[in-house]
């Protein structure tokens, strides 16, 4: 596991929480910020997965 996978997972979870809190309190701006944070987290996790896959390819070359 690499840094991007861990940080991406944390951002994704924090974004989900922020979105939900925005829904509960009726704050659309917080909902949007939460969704944006989720997107950043998922993108970072994807980059981490790509890095992990690249490591695997290097080992098998």
Protein backbone atom coordinates (compact mmCIF):
# COMPACT_ATOMS: atom_id res chain seq x y z
CA UNK A 1 0.00 0.00 0.00
CA UNK A 2 1.29 3.47 -0.80
CA UNK A 3 0.70 7.00 0.42
CA UNK A 4 -1.81 7.85 -2.33
CA UNK A 5 -4.02 4.88 -1.50
CA UNK A 6 -4.14 5.80 2.18
CA UNK A 7 -4.62 9.54 1.74
CA UNK A 8 -7.17 9.01 -1.02
CA UNK A 9 -9.21 6.72 1.20
CA UNK A 10 -9.14 9.26 4.02
CA UNK A 11 -10.24 12.11 1.71
CA UNK A 12 -13.03 9.98 0.28
CA UNK A 13 -14.36 9.09 3.74
CA UNK A 14 -14.07 12.68 4.96
CA UNK A 15 -15.93 13.88 1.88
CA UNK A 16 -18.76 11.42 2.48
CA UNK A 17 -19.05 12.63 6.07
CA UNK A 18 -18.99 16.28 5.00
CA UNK A 19 -21.66 15.66 2.37
CA UNK A 20 -23.89 13.87 4.87
CA UNK A 21 -23.49 16.62 7.46
CA UNK A 22 -24.40 19.17 4.79
CA UNK A 23 -27.55 17.18 4.04
CA UNK A 24 -28.50 16.95 7.72
CA UNK A 25 -28.07 20.66 8.42
CA UNK A 26 -29.45 21.74 5.05
CA UNK A 27 -26.25 23.33 3.78
CA UNK A 28 -25.84 22.75 0.02
CA UNK A 29 -22.35 24.32 -0.02
CA UNK A 30 -21.08 21.71 2.43
CA UNK A 31 -22.70 18.97 0.36
CA UNK A 32 -20.88 20.18 -2.75
CA UNK A 33 -17.57 20.50 -0.89
CA UNK A 34 -18.04 16.96 0.38
CA UNK A 35 -18.65 15.62 -3.11
CA UNK A 36 -15.59 17.49 -4.38
CA UNK A 37 -13.48 15.98 -1.61
CA UNK A 38 -14.77 12.52 -2.51
CA UNK A 39 -13.79 13.03 -6.14
CA UNK A 40 -10.29 14.14 -5.12
CA UNK A 41 -9.98 11.14 -2.83
CA UNK A 42 -11.13 8.67 -5.46
CA UNK A 43 -8.76 10.21 -8.01
CA UNK A 44 -5.86 9.94 -5.57
CA UNK A 45 -6.78 6.31 -4.80
CA UNK A 46 -6.79 5.57 -8.53
CA UNK A 47 -3.32 7.07 -8.86
CA UNK A 48 -2.21 4.88 -5.96
CA UNK A 49 -3.62 1.82 -7.69
CA UNK A 50 -1.78 2.75 -10.90
CA UNK A 51 1.47 3.09 -8.95
CA UNK A 52 0.92 -0.29 -7.30
CA UNK A 53 0.21 -1.88 -10.67
CA UNK A 54 3.35 -0.32 -12.12
CA UNK A 55 5.39 -1.80 -9.27
CA UNK A 56 3.98 -5.21 -10.11
CA UNK A 57 4.88 -4.83 -13.77
CA UNK A 58 8.43 -3.77 -12.90
CA UNK A 59 8.88 -6.85 -10.71
CA UNK A 60 7.75 -9.16 -13.50
CA UNK A 61 9.91 -7.56 -16.21
